Amino acid sequence: MTNKQQFLICPKCGDTLKIDRQKTGSRNKKRGGEFERRVAKLLTEYTGLKWNRTPLSGASIIAGDIYCLDKPMPFTIECKDRQDITLLKIFSNLDVLRNAKTNESLISDKQILVFRDRLQNFAVIHQGIFTANFNCKEESAKSIIKYRGYIYSIFVLDVFRYFRKGV
């Protein structure tokens, strides 16, 4: 038995079931990649600029999960398609905005966090990034939170329709 395999006994029939943890990890990786591609497609539609998934995400010199092909951006975009990041959890416990393994923050003053809660995509945007790059009022935010001394706004992802292309 490798350390990637675990066995479970079915409580109904008593059969031994093999769980392959390696497949579980690859399913999550595939789901994350699909979410990144969907977000890149939405950003392309909303902004008119070409956005793409970062090749070798996390292992290349390009920071973030999604980048703009047309021009360099003053921020990076991180996508998280995880069940533990929801609007309710963000408001009740800001620690959900930290990486559980490394304890690093998922957001910063140069980073936009995109996540999905049910069927709606949201963006957590630092106040400085928002005022410098978007042509709409911050009052359109779903909520404003203070995290680690910075102010962030939570928007529905279609706020990128108001992105300033000339910046």
Foldseek 3Di string as FASTA:
>chain_A
DDPQKDWDQDPPPRDIDIDGNVVVVVVQVVVQQVVLQVLQVLLCVQQVFHKDADPVAPPDPDDEGMATPPDHDQAHEHEDADPCDAPVNCVVPVQSQADPPPRHGVDDQRYWYWYDHDHFIKIKHFPVSDVVWFDDDLVQFPDWDADPNTIITMHGSSSSSRTDPVD
